[in-house]
C-alpha atoms as a PDB file:
ATOM      1  CA  MET A   1      42.705 114.169 112.655  1.00  0.00           C
ATOM      2  CA  GLY A   2      40.861 111.762 114.951  1.00  0.00           C
ATOM      3  CA  VAL A   3      40.366 112.140 118.662  1.00  0.00           C
ATOM      4  CA  ALA A   4      42.113 109.540 120.809  1.00  0.00           C
ATOM      5  CA  VAL A   5      40.480 108.310 123.994  1.00  0.00           C
ATOM      6  CA  LEU A   6      42.543 106.283 126.444  1.00  0.00           C
ATOM      7  CA  ALA A   7      40.694 103.882 128.742  1.00  0.00           C
ATOM      8  CA  ILE A   8      42.578 102.144 131.521  1.00  0.00           C
ATOM      9  CA  VAL A   9      40.910  99.014 132.864  1.00  0.00           C
ATOM     10  CA  GLY A  10      42.906  97.204 135.527  1.00  0.00           C
ATOM     11  CA  ILE A  11      46.250  96.546 133.869  1.00  0.00           C
ATOM     12  CA  SER A  12      44.855  96.672 130.329  1.00  0.00           C
ATOM     13  CA  VAL A  13      45.097  99.793 128.212  1.00  0.00           C
ATOM     14  CA  THR A  14      42.777 100.376 125.288  1.00  0.00           C
ATOM     15  CA  LEU A  15      43.258 103.141 122.751  1.00  0.00           C
ATOM     16  CA  ILE A  16      40.149 104.127 120.830  1.00  0.00           C
ATOM     17  CA  VAL A  17      40.452 106.517 117.903  1.00  0.00           C
ATOM     18  CA  LEU A  18      37.259 108.284 116.962  1.00  0.00           C
ATOM     19  CA  ALA A  19      37.111 109.027 113.248  1.00  0.00           C
ATOM     20  CA  SER A  20      36.641 112.570 112.034  1.00  0.00           C
ATOM     21  CA  GLY A  21      35.409 111.794 108.540  1.00  0.00           C
ATOM     22  CA  LYS A  22      38.831 110.942 107.077  1.00  0.00           C
ATOM     23  CA  ASP A  23      39.722 107.566 105.629  1.00  0.00           C
ATOM     24  CA  GLU A  24      40.507 104.977 108.235  1.00  0.00           C
ATOM     25  CA  PRO A  25      44.038 103.525 108.142  1.00  0.00           C
ATOM     26  CA  GLU A  26      44.592 100.251 106.360  1.00  0.00           C
ATOM     27  CA  PRO A  27      44.121  97.184 108.549  1.00  0.00           C
ATOM     28  CA  ALA A  28      47.217  95.532 110.022  1.00  0.00           C
ATOM     29  CA  ALA A  29      46.857  92.474 107.762  1.00  0.00           C
ATOM     30  CA  PHE A  30      44.628  91.020 105.049  1.00  0.00           C
ATOM     31  CA  CYS A  31      42.137  89.350 107.427  1.00  0.00           C
ATOM     32  CA  PRO A  32      38.620  89.154 105.999  1.00  0.00           C
ATOM     33  CA  THR A  33      36.229  91.531 107.738  1.00  0.00           C
ATOM     34  CA  ASP A  34      34.097  88.546 108.740  1.00  0.00           C
ATOM     35  CA  ARG A  35      35.175  84.986 109.404  1.00  0.00           C
ATOM     36  CA  GLY A  36      33.713  83.596 106.190  1.00  0.00           C
ATOM     37  CA  GLY A  37      34.702  86.398 103.830  1.00  0.00           C
ATOM     38  CA  ALA A  38      37.415  86.929 101.251  1.00  0.00           C
ATOM     39  CA  VAL A  39      40.844  88.209 102.243  1.00  0.00           C
ATOM     40  CA  LEU A  40      41.405  91.936 101.786  1.00  0.00           C
ATOM     41  CA  GLU A  41      43.213  93.236  98.715  1.00  0.00           C
ATOM     42  CA  SER A  42      45.602  95.489 100.646  1.00  0.00           C
ATOM     43  CA  SER A  43      46.849  96.037 104.181  1.00  0.00           C
ATOM     44  CA  GLN A  44      49.803  97.366 106.145  1.00  0.00           C
ATOM     45  CA  LEU A  45      51.405  93.931 105.690  1.00  0.00           C
ATOM     46  CA  ASP A  46      51.806  94.337 101.910  1.00  0.00           C
ATOM     47  CA  GLY A  47      55.472  93.781 100.981  1.00  0.00           C
ATOM     48  CA  ARG A  48      56.270  92.570 104.499  1.00  0.00           C
ATOM     49  CA  THR A  49      55.815  88.811 104.087  1.00  0.00           C
ATOM     50  CA  GLU A  50      58.102  85.893 103.318  1.00  0.00           C
ATOM     51  CA  PRO A  51      57.591  82.195 102.486  1.00  0.00           C
ATOM     52  CA  LEU A  52      57.110  79.692 105.294  1.00  0.00           C
ATOM     53  CA  SER A  53      60.338  78.345 106.747  1.00  0.00           C
ATOM     54  CA  ALA A  54      60.660  74.591 107.280  1.00  0.00           C
ATOM     55  CA  SER A  55      61.194  75.082 111.006  1.00  0.00           C
ATOM     56  CA  GLY A  56      60.130  77.633 113.550  1.00  0.00           C
ATOM     57  CA  PRO A  57      59.572  79.865 115.131  1.00  0.00           C
ATOM     58  CA  ARG A  58      57.792  81.449 112.183  1.00  0.00           C
ATOM     59  CA  PRO A  59      57.239  85.218 112.550  1.00  0.00           C
ATOM     60  CA  THR A  60      53.507  85.663 113.136  1.00  0.00           C
ATOM     61  CA  ILE A  61      51.059  88.554 113.297  1.00  0.00           C
ATOM     62  CA  LEU A  62      47.895  88.136 115.375  1.00  0.00           C
ATOM     63  CA  VAL A  63      45.056  90.404 114.214  1.00  0.00           C
ATOM     64  CA  SER A  64      41.792  91.204 115.999  1.00  0.00           C
ATOM     65  CA  ASP A  65      39.308  93.698 114.528  1.00  0.00           C
ATOM     66  CA  GLY A  66      41.929  94.839 112.015  1.00  0.00           C
ATOM     67  CA  HIS A  67      44.499  95.639 114.726  1.00  0.00           C
ATOM     68  CA  ASN A  68      47.849  93.975 115.431  1.00  0.00           C
ATOM     69  CA  VAL A  69      47.617  92.389 118.880  1.00  0.00           C
ATOM     70  CA  SER A  70      50.817  90.336 118.603  1.00  0.00           C
ATOM     71  CA  TYR A  71      52.034  91.848 121.879  1.00  0.00           C
ATOM     72  CA  LEU A  72      50.113  88.948 123.469  1.00  0.00           C
ATOM     73  CA  PHE A  73      52.948  86.650 122.370  1.00  0.00           C
ATOM     74  CA  GLY A  74      55.368  88.541 124.603  1.00  0.00           C
ATOM     75  CA  GLN A  75      52.929  88.367 127.502  1.00  0.00           C
ATOM     76  CA  GLN A  76      52.783  84.581 127.045  1.00  0.00           C
ATOM     77  CA  GLN A  77      56.581  84.126 127.051  1.00  0.00           C
ATOM     78  CA  VAL A  78      56.889  83.554 123.284  1.00  0.00           C
ATOM     79  CA  PRO A  79      58.099  86.973 122.065  1.00  0.00           C
ATOM     80  CA  GLU A  80      60.138  85.261 119.326  1.00  0.00           C
ATOM     81  CA  TRP A  81      56.830  84.516 117.567  1.00  0.00           C
ATOM     82  CA  GLU A  82      56.067  88.195 116.952  1.00  0.00           C
ATOM     83  CA  TYR A  83      57.032  89.374 113.484  1.00  0.00           C
ATOM     84  CA  ARG A  84      59.401  92.337 113.195  1.00  0.00           C
ATOM     85  CA  ASP A  85      60.129  92.923 109.497  1.00  0.00           C
ATOM     86  CA  LYS A  86      58.601  90.014 107.576  1.00  0.00           C
ATOM     87  CA  ALA A  87      55.647  87.811 108.574  1.00  0.00           C
ATOM     88  CA  GLN A  88      55.258  84.156 107.613  1.00  0.00           C
ATOM     89  CA  LEU A  89      51.901  83.568 109.322  1.00  0.00           C
ATOM     90  CA  VAL A  90      48.797  85.693 109.847  1.00  0.00           C
ATOM     91  CA  VAL A  91      46.275  84.707 112.512  1.00  0.00           C
ATOM     92  CA  CYS A  92      42.861  86.381 112.293  1.00  0.00           C
ATOM     93  CA  GLU A  93      40.677  86.396 115.408  1.00  0.00           C
ATOM     94  CA  TYR A  94      36.881  86.698 115.209  1.00  0.00           C
ATOM     95  CA  THR A  95      34.845  86.988 118.410  1.00  0.00           C
ATOM     96  CA  HIS A  96      31.188  85.995 118.174  1.00  0.00           C
ATOM     97  CA  SER A  97      28.350  84.112 119.897  1.00  0.00           C
ATOM     98  CA  LEU A  98      27.668  86.393 122.863  1.00  0.00           C
ATOM     99  CA  GLN A  99      25.928  84.459 125.643  1.00  0.00           C
ATOM    100  CA  TYR A 100      24.979  85.805 129.058  1.00  0.00           C
ATOM    101  CA  ASN A 101      27.208  84.141 131.651  1.00  0.00           C
ATOM    102  CA  ALA A 102      24.846  84.473 134.646  1.00  0.00           C
ATOM    103  CA  THR A 103      27.496  86.488 136.419  1.00  0.00           C
ATOM    104  CA  SER A 104      28.295  90.168 136.732  1.00  0.00           C
ATOM    105  CA  CYS A 105      30.829  92.647 138.005  1.00  0.00           C
ATOM    106  CA  PRO A 106      30.157  95.413 140.504  1.00  0.00           C
ATOM    107  CA  ASP A 107      30.117  99.021 139.361  1.00  0.00           C
ATOM    108  CA  ASP A 108      32.142 100.892 141.948  1.00  0.00           C
ATOM    109  CA  SER A 109      30.483 104.183 141.008  1.00  0.00           C
ATOM    110  CA  GLY A 110      27.096 102.747 141.974  1.00  0.00           C
ATOM    111  CA  LYS A 111      25.420 104.237 138.897  1.00  0.00           C
ATOM    112  CA  LEU A 112      25.000 100.976 136.991  1.00  0.00           C
ATOM    113  CA  GLY A 113      24.526  98.491 139.801  1.00  0.00           C
ATOM    114  CA  ARG A 114      25.994  95.282 138.402  1.00  0.00           C
ATOM    115  CA  ILE A 115      27.561  94.937 134.935  1.00  0.00           C
ATOM    116  CA  PRO A 116      26.674  91.748 133.036  1.00  0.00           C
ATOM    117  CA  VAL A 117      29.449  89.463 131.804  1.00  0.00           C
ATOM    118  CA  PHE A 118      29.049  87.666 128.458  1.00  0.00           C
ATOM    119  CA  ARG A 119      30.823  84.528 127.277  1.00  0.00           C
ATOM    120  CA  THR A 120      31.906  84.430 123.665  1.00  0.00           C
ATOM    121  CA  THR A 121      33.456  82.101 121.165  1.00  0.00           C
ATOM    122  CA  SER A 122      36.543  83.182 119.258  1.00  0.00           C
ATOM    123  CA  THR A 123      37.426  81.650 115.914  1.00  0.00           C
ATOM    124  CA  TYR A 124      41.072  81.819 114.846  1.00  0.00           C
ATOM    125  CA  VAL A 125      41.977  81.389 111.177  1.00  0.00           C
ATOM    126  CA  VAL A 126      45.673  80.796 110.368  1.00  0.00           C
ATOM    127  CA  TYR A 127      46.982  81.945 106.968  1.00  0.00           C
ATOM    128  CA  GLU A 128      50.276  81.651 105.166  1.00  0.00           C
ATOM    129  CA  ALA A 129      51.243  85.329 104.948  1.00  0.00           C
ATOM    130  CA  ALA A 130      52.950  85.277 101.533  1.00  0.00           C
ATOM    131  CA  THR A 131      50.132  83.460  99.679  1.00  0.00           C
ATOM    132  CA  LYS A 132      47.100  84.393 101.833  1.00  0.00           C
ATOM    133  CA  LYS A 133      46.239  80.678 101.793  1.00  0.00           C
ATOM    134  CA  PRO A 134      44.310  79.421 104.859  1.00  0.00           C
ATOM    135  CA  LEU A 135      46.209  76.719 106.754  1.00  0.00           C
ATOM    136  CA  GLY A 136      43.751  75.945 109.545  1.00  0.00           C
ATOM    137  CA  ARG A 137      41.234  77.229 112.046  1.00  0.00           C
ATOM    138  CA  PHE A 138      40.154  76.580 115.619  1.00  0.00           C
ATOM    139  CA  ASP A 139      37.565  77.863 118.093  1.00  0.00           C
ATOM    140  CA  LEU A 140      38.126  78.727 121.738  1.00  0.00           C
ATOM    141  CA  PRO A 141      35.629  79.723 124.416  1.00  0.00           C
ATOM    142  CA  GLY A 142      35.769  83.300 125.663  1.00  0.00           C
ATOM    143  CA  THR A 143      35.363  82.842 129.385  1.00  0.00           C
ATOM    144  CA  GLN A 144      38.253  84.974 130.694  1.00  0.00           C
ATOM    145  CA  TYR A 145      37.418  88.446 131.998  1.00  0.00           C
ATOM    146  CA  THR A 146      38.495  91.002 134.548  1.00  0.00           C
ATOM    147  CA  CYS A 147      36.085  93.259 136.384  1.00  0.00           C
ATOM    148  CA  PRO A 148      37.112  96.826 135.490  1.00  0.00           C
ATOM    149  CA  SER A 149      37.928  99.394 138.128  1.00  0.00           C
ATOM    150  CA  VAL A 150      36.598 102.237 135.936  1.00  0.00           C
ATOM    151  CA  VAL A 151      33.632 102.135 133.561  1.00  0.00           C
ATOM    152  CA  SER A 152      32.944 104.863 130.982  1.00  0.00           C
ATOM    153  CA  TYR A 153      29.798 105.163 128.910  1.00  0.00           C
ATOM    154  CA  GLU A 154      27.677 107.790 127.217  1.00  0.00           C
ATOM    155  CA  PRO A 155      24.665 109.006 129.222  1.00  0.00           C
ATOM    156  CA  GLY A 156      21.543 107.259 128.002  1.00  0.00           C
ATOM    157  CA  HIS A 157      23.468 104.101 127.045  1.00  0.00           C
ATOM    158  CA  GLU A 158      23.745 102.534 130.496  1.00  0.00           C
ATOM    159  CA  ASP A 159      21.835  99.436 129.374  1.00  0.00           C
ATOM    160  CA  GLU A 160      24.479  98.763 126.674  1.00  0.00           C
ATOM    161  CA  VAL A 161      27.385  98.455 129.122  1.00  0.00           C
ATOM    162  CA  LYS A 162      28.663  94.873 129.297  1.00  0.00           C
ATOM    163  CA  ILE A 163      31.864  92.960 129.837  1.00  0.00           C
ATOM    164  CA  ILE A 164      32.897  90.626 127.032  1.00  0.00           C
ATOM    165  CA  GLY A 165      34.849  87.468 127.830  1.00  0.00           C
ATOM    166  CA  HIS A 166      37.925  86.570 125.783  1.00  0.00           C
ATOM    167  CA  ALA A 167      39.856  83.400 125.080  1.00  0.00           C
ATOM    168  CA  ASP A 168      42.614  82.337 127.453  1.00  0.00           C
ATOM    169  CA  ALA A 169      45.852  83.614 125.834  1.00  0.00           C
ATOM    170  CA  ARG A 170      47.728  80.494 127.020  1.00  0.00           C
ATOM    171  CA  GLU A 171      45.274  78.325 125.093  1.00  0.00           C
ATOM    172  CA  VAL A 172      45.657  80.530 121.984  1.00  0.00           C
ATOM    173  CA  VAL A 173      49.427  79.998 122.143  1.00  0.00           C
ATOM    174  CA  ALA A 174      48.991  76.230 122.650  1.00  0.00           C
ATOM    175  CA  GLN A 175      46.702  75.971 119.601  1.00  0.00           C
ATOM    176  CA  LEU A 176      49.070  78.067 117.449  1.00  0.00           C
ATOM    177  CA  ARG A 177      52.247  76.208 118.439  1.00  0.00           C
ATOM    178  CA  PRO A 178      52.020  73.523 115.664  1.00  0.00           C
ATOM    179  CA  TYR A 179      51.809  76.287 113.034  1.00  0.00           C
ATOM    180  CA  VAL A 180      54.489  78.569 114.485  1.00  0.00           C
ATOM    181  CA  GLU A 181      56.910  75.886 115.669  1.00  0.00           C
ATOM    182  CA  PRO A 182      56.469  72.950 113.258  1.00  0.00           C
ATOM    183  CA  ARG A 183      58.367  69.744 113.996  1.00  0.00           C
END
């Protein structure tokens, strides 16, 4: 049994499960572990796909680091995109290209001084869920961030604390719209 740690940052909630030597659960979908790799043989999505419909919205799962983050669709006013029983599209997100942004956030505890903010690039690869065939890809800059109100870190690792930018969710939805809602 793993140990769950809950971190609350502003209005975001992150759940981190620390492994205890047992097998990790299968990933949410068949996304390759790196953006150029082969799709995975098995995932939690096995048996839960269907062929692409001619029109949309097509039920879609958005996966980042092996986790289903499709709740972002609801936050962007397109909850009908999120798959419930059967997925037609899988979108795999890969964040890379960390670059210092020449900005920082304050550390309210005063222990760290200022926390550096890094820009990123996120690559999104869209797959047909039933066939695992790639349909397209796009890159978006990761310039969105929120300064956290609470920062947790292990003693001795203060120099590793950083804030990572992410793509604007509205832009992700705009780029996905032609796949999810074809005309």
